[in-house]
Amino acid sequence: MIQEILENKQDYASLLCESDPNINLVENYLRDGRLFAYFEKQTPLAFIAVKEINDTTLEIKNLLTLEKYRGRGLAKALIQYVENLYKNKTTYLIGTANSSMTNMLIYTKLGYHYSNKIENFFIDYYPQEIYENNMQATDLLYFSKTRA
């Protein structure tokens, strides 16, 4: 079951740092956005944080499935849930690191297309270097999906 976390969102900030290791950015979008979780037996297994950018655009700021629950389609379910919840939006954005191959594959399968990048984002805004897939995360790549 997917439901919004309305109280004590900041309690999840350190956990969400697993997918976004900048605690200041996480705390900012938790304060300004909404947080949803996929629950089983009242235990949250996956999270999605979203923020309305303007009247037409929604940005997915964080998407995290706890490691032992990955591969079950929970991230896909959360993305589809917020797209359905925000049917009034025409553009959905989601960002990921240039080193996050799995994320790019998932987003592409869900109809998102590469949009643009912010060069050196992970060098400029993160105090420690981030590596995954034997590659340094340097650029923030945005993917977008447009609803007709």
C-alpha atoms as a PDB file:
ATOM      1  CA  MET A   1       0.000   0.000   0.000  1.00  0.00           C
ATOM      2  CA  ILE A   2       1.261   3.462  -0.895  1.00  0.00           C
ATOM      3  CA  GLN A   3       0.507   6.355   1.391  1.00  0.00           C
ATOM      4  CA  GLU A   4       1.808   9.810   2.130  1.00  0.00           C
ATOM      5  CA  ILE A   5       3.979  10.400   5.164  1.00  0.00           C
ATOM      6  CA  LEU A   6       2.484  13.540   6.642  1.00  0.00           C
ATOM      7  CA  GLU A   7       4.115  13.730  10.048  1.00  0.00           C
ATOM      8  CA  ASN A   8       7.786  13.774  10.943  1.00  0.00           C
ATOM      9  CA  LYS A   9       9.026  13.649   7.345  1.00  0.00           C
ATOM     10  CA  GLN A  10      12.410  14.874   8.520  1.00  0.00           C
ATOM     11  CA  ASP A  11      12.792  11.631  10.505  1.00  0.00           C
ATOM     12  CA  TYR A  12      13.406   9.912   7.159  1.00  0.00           C
ATOM     13  CA  ALA A  13      16.105  12.347   5.983  1.00  0.00           C
ATOM     14  CA  SER A  14      19.103  10.237   7.003  1.00  0.00           C
ATOM     15  CA  LEU A  15      17.553   7.144   5.408  1.00  0.00           C
ATOM     16  CA  LEU A  16      16.909   9.022   2.154  1.00  0.00           C
ATOM     17  CA  CYS A  17      20.591   9.959   2.110  1.00  0.00           C
ATOM     18  CA  GLU A  18      21.181   6.413   0.882  1.00  0.00           C
ATOM     19  CA  SER A  19      20.030   7.587  -2.549  1.00  0.00           C
ATOM     20  CA  ASP A  20      20.976  11.265  -2.113  1.00  0.00           C
ATOM     21  CA  PRO A  21      23.948  11.703   0.227  1.00  0.00           C
ATOM     22  CA  ASN A  22      23.570  15.476   0.655  1.00  0.00           C
ATOM     23  CA  ILE A  23      21.577  15.855   3.889  1.00  0.00           C
ATOM     24  CA  ASN A  24      20.974  19.576   3.264  1.00  0.00           C
ATOM     25  CA  LEU A  25      19.329  18.946  -0.110  1.00  0.00           C
ATOM     26  CA  VAL A  26      17.265  16.087   1.348  1.00  0.00           C
ATOM     27  CA  GLU A  27      16.040  18.219   4.233  1.00  0.00           C
ATOM     28  CA  ASN A  28      15.137  21.041   1.826  1.00  0.00           C
ATOM     29  CA  TYR A  29      12.949  18.967  -0.447  1.00  0.00           C
ATOM     30  CA  LEU A  30      11.337  17.153   2.471  1.00  0.00           C
ATOM     31  CA  ARG A  31      10.400  20.539   3.906  1.00  0.00           C
ATOM     32  CA  ASP A  32       9.096  21.916   0.593  1.00  0.00           C
ATOM     33  CA  GLY A  33       7.692  18.741  -0.986  1.00  0.00           C
ATOM     34  CA  ARG A  34       5.717  15.598  -0.252  1.00  0.00           C
ATOM     35  CA  LEU A  35       6.947  12.171   0.812  1.00  0.00           C
ATOM     36  CA  PHE A  36       5.216   8.898  -0.018  1.00  0.00           C
ATOM     37  CA  ALA A  37       6.150   5.363   0.948  1.00  0.00           C
ATOM     38  CA  TYR A  38       5.271   1.852  -0.134  1.00  0.00           C
ATOM     39  CA  PHE A  39       4.263  -0.018   3.009  1.00  0.00           C
ATOM     40  CA  GLU A  40       3.890  -3.707   3.759  1.00  0.00           C
ATOM     41  CA  LYS A  41       2.472  -4.528   7.183  1.00  0.00           C
ATOM     42  CA  GLN A  42       3.062  -0.922   8.309  1.00  0.00           C
ATOM     43  CA  THR A  43       6.759  -1.147   7.366  1.00  0.00           C
ATOM     44  CA  PRO A  44       8.003   1.304   4.714  1.00  0.00           C
ATOM     45  CA  LEU A  45       9.974  -0.521   1.986  1.00  0.00           C
ATOM     46  CA  ALA A  46      10.388   2.245  -0.601  1.00  0.00           C
ATOM     47  CA  PHE A  47      10.103   6.023  -0.707  1.00  0.00           C
ATOM     48  CA  ILE A  48       9.484   8.792  -3.219  1.00  0.00           C
ATOM     49  CA  ALA A  49       9.818  12.521  -2.529  1.00  0.00           C
ATOM     50  CA  VAL A  50       8.245  14.947  -4.975  1.00  0.00           C
ATOM     51  CA  LYS A  51       8.078  18.692  -5.381  1.00  0.00           C
ATOM     52  CA  GLU A  52       5.802  20.785  -7.572  1.00  0.00           C
ATOM     53  CA  ILE A  53       8.022  23.073  -9.646  1.00  0.00           C
ATOM     54  CA  ASN A  54       5.163  25.079 -11.164  1.00  0.00           C
ATOM     55  CA  ASP A  55       1.588  24.597 -12.435  1.00  0.00           C
ATOM     56  CA  THR A  56       2.676  22.148 -15.126  1.00  0.00           C
ATOM     57  CA  THR A  57       5.783  20.416 -13.754  1.00  0.00           C
ATOM     58  CA  LEU A  58       6.449  17.910 -10.983  1.00  0.00           C
ATOM     59  CA  GLU A  59       9.944  16.802 -10.023  1.00  0.00           C
ATOM     60  CA  ILE A  60      10.735  13.506  -8.373  1.00  0.00           C
ATOM     61  CA  LYS A  61      13.466  14.519  -5.947  1.00  0.00           C
ATOM     62  CA  ASN A  62      14.264  11.171  -4.348  1.00  0.00           C
ATOM     63  CA  LEU A  63      13.409   7.570  -5.094  1.00  0.00           C
ATOM     64  CA  LEU A  64      14.678   4.872  -2.756  1.00  0.00           C
ATOM     65  CA  THR A  65      13.896   1.206  -2.328  1.00  0.00           C
ATOM     66  CA  LEU A  66      15.547  -0.367   0.677  1.00  0.00           C
ATOM     67  CA  GLU A  67      18.217  -2.754  -0.560  1.00  0.00           C
ATOM     68  CA  LYS A  68      16.626  -6.065   0.425  1.00  0.00           C
ATOM     69  CA  TYR A  69      13.357  -5.135  -1.336  1.00  0.00           C
ATOM     70  CA  ARG A  70      14.848  -4.076  -4.682  1.00  0.00           C
ATOM     71  CA  GLY A  71      13.795  -5.816  -7.877  1.00  0.00           C
ATOM     72  CA  ARG A  72      10.143  -6.094  -6.837  1.00  0.00           C
ATOM     73  CA  GLY A  73       8.848  -3.136  -8.878  1.00  0.00           C
ATOM     74  CA  LEU A  74       8.290  -0.864  -5.885  1.00  0.00           C
ATOM     75  CA  ALA A  75      10.040   2.139  -7.469  1.00  0.00           C
ATOM     76  CA  LYS A  76       7.950   1.696 -10.608  1.00  0.00           C
ATOM     77  CA  ALA A  77       4.774   1.523  -8.504  1.00  0.00           C
ATOM     78  CA  LEU A  78       5.717   4.719  -6.661  1.00  0.00           C
ATOM     79  CA  ILE A  79       6.489   6.611  -9.874  1.00  0.00           C
ATOM     80  CA  GLN A  80       3.200   5.515 -11.434  1.00  0.00           C
ATOM     81  CA  TYR A  81       1.365   6.450  -8.245  1.00  0.00           C
ATOM     82  CA  VAL A  82       2.637  10.040  -8.217  1.00  0.00           C
ATOM     83  CA  GLU A  83       2.080  10.423 -11.967  1.00  0.00           C
ATOM     84  CA  ASN A  84      -1.525   9.365 -11.409  1.00  0.00           C
ATOM     85  CA  LEU A  85      -1.887  11.574  -8.333  1.00  0.00           C
ATOM     86  CA  TYR A  86      -0.576  14.570 -10.286  1.00  0.00           C
ATOM     87  CA  LYS A  87      -2.560  14.011 -13.490  1.00  0.00           C
ATOM     88  CA  ASN A  88      -2.904  17.791 -13.777  1.00  0.00           C
ATOM     89  CA  LYS A  89       0.827  18.079 -14.524  1.00  0.00           C
ATOM     90  CA  THR A  90       2.061  17.795 -18.085  1.00  0.00           C
ATOM     91  CA  THR A  91       5.762  17.334 -17.336  1.00  0.00           C
ATOM     92  CA  TYR A  92       7.468  15.012 -14.873  1.00  0.00           C
ATOM     93  CA  LEU A  93      11.187  15.313 -14.147  1.00  0.00           C
ATOM     94  CA  ILE A  94      13.583  12.958 -12.430  1.00  0.00           C
ATOM     95  CA  GLY A  95      17.324  13.345 -11.995  1.00  0.00           C
ATOM     96  CA  THR A  96      20.078  10.831 -11.457  1.00  0.00           C
ATOM     97  CA  ALA A  97      23.845  10.647 -11.536  1.00  0.00           C
ATOM     98  CA  ASN A  98      25.697   9.896 -14.754  1.00  0.00           C
ATOM     99  CA  SER A  99      26.940   6.730 -13.014  1.00  0.00           C
ATOM    100  CA  SER A 100      23.457   5.391 -12.125  1.00  0.00           C
ATOM    101  CA  MET A 101      22.938   2.977 -14.998  1.00  0.00           C
ATOM    102  CA  THR A 102      20.118   1.022 -13.346  1.00  0.00           C
ATOM    103  CA  ASN A 103      18.163   4.209 -12.648  1.00  0.00           C
ATOM    104  CA  MET A 104      18.497   5.372 -16.247  1.00  0.00           C
ATOM    105  CA  LEU A 105      17.224   2.006 -17.483  1.00  0.00           C
ATOM    106  CA  ILE A 106      14.212   2.069 -15.157  1.00  0.00           C
ATOM    107  CA  TYR A 107      13.277   5.637 -16.085  1.00  0.00           C
ATOM    108  CA  THR A 108      13.605   4.903 -19.809  1.00  0.00           C
ATOM    109  CA  LYS A 109      11.387   1.821 -19.477  1.00  0.00           C
ATOM    110  CA  LEU A 110       8.772   4.029 -17.800  1.00  0.00           C
ATOM    111  CA  GLY A 111       8.681   6.439 -20.743  1.00  0.00           C
ATOM    112  CA  TYR A 112      11.153   9.050 -19.555  1.00  0.00           C
ATOM    113  CA  HIS A 113      13.648  10.532 -22.003  1.00  0.00           C
ATOM    114  CA  TYR A 114      16.988  12.185 -21.407  1.00  0.00           C
ATOM    115  CA  SER A 115      16.388  15.922 -21.165  1.00  0.00           C
ATOM    116  CA  ASN A 116      19.486  17.789 -19.992  1.00  0.00           C
ATOM    117  CA  LYS A 117      22.397  17.684 -17.574  1.00  0.00           C
ATOM    118  CA  ILE A 118      23.959  19.853 -14.939  1.00  0.00           C
ATOM    119  CA  GLU A 119      27.694  19.383 -15.319  1.00  0.00           C
ATOM    120  CA  ASN A 120      29.777  18.736 -12.207  1.00  0.00           C
ATOM    121  CA  PHE A 121      26.687  18.801  -9.962  1.00  0.00           C
ATOM    122  CA  PHE A 122      27.975  15.999  -7.751  1.00  0.00           C
ATOM    123  CA  ILE A 123      31.411  17.592  -7.560  1.00  0.00           C
ATOM    124  CA  ASP A 124      30.078  21.065  -6.719  1.00  0.00           C
ATOM    125  CA  TYR A 125      27.308  20.125  -4.239  1.00  0.00           C
ATOM    126  CA  TYR A 126      28.549  16.992  -2.496  1.00  0.00           C
ATOM    127  CA  PRO A 127      31.403  17.045   0.015  1.00  0.00           C
ATOM    128  CA  GLN A 128      32.616  13.524  -0.791  1.00  0.00           C
ATOM    129  CA  GLU A 129      33.162  11.826  -4.119  1.00  0.00           C
ATOM    130  CA  ILE A 130      30.456   9.339  -5.100  1.00  0.00           C
ATOM    131  CA  TYR A 131      31.264   6.177  -7.013  1.00  0.00           C
ATOM    132  CA  GLU A 132      28.982   3.509  -8.411  1.00  0.00           C
ATOM    133  CA  ASN A 133      29.453   1.018 -11.222  1.00  0.00           C
ATOM    134  CA  ASN A 134      33.208   1.734 -11.043  1.00  0.00           C
ATOM    135  CA  MET A 135      32.508   5.287 -12.160  1.00  0.00           C
ATOM    136  CA  GLN A 136      32.536   8.668 -10.429  1.00  0.00           C
ATOM    137  CA  ALA A 137      29.229  10.499 -10.235  1.00  0.00           C
ATOM    138  CA  THR A 138      29.919  13.932 -11.696  1.00  0.00           C
ATOM    139  CA  ASP A 139      26.911  15.160 -13.683  1.00  0.00           C
ATOM    140  CA  LEU A 140      23.220  15.280 -12.777  1.00  0.00           C
ATOM    141  CA  LEU A 141      21.219  13.903 -15.703  1.00  0.00           C
ATOM    142  CA  TYR A 142      17.575  14.904 -15.984  1.00  0.00           C
ATOM    143  CA  PHE A 143      14.967  12.692 -17.593  1.00  0.00           C
ATOM    144  CA  SER A 144      11.508  13.991 -18.447  1.00  0.00           C
ATOM    145  CA  LYS A 145       8.137  12.593 -19.391  1.00  0.00           C
ATOM    146  CA  THR A 146       5.449  14.677 -21.025  1.00  0.00           C
ATOM    147  CA  ARG A 147       1.758  13.926 -20.798  1.00  0.00           C
ATOM    148  CA  ALA A 148      -0.214  14.960 -23.854  1.00  0.00           C
END
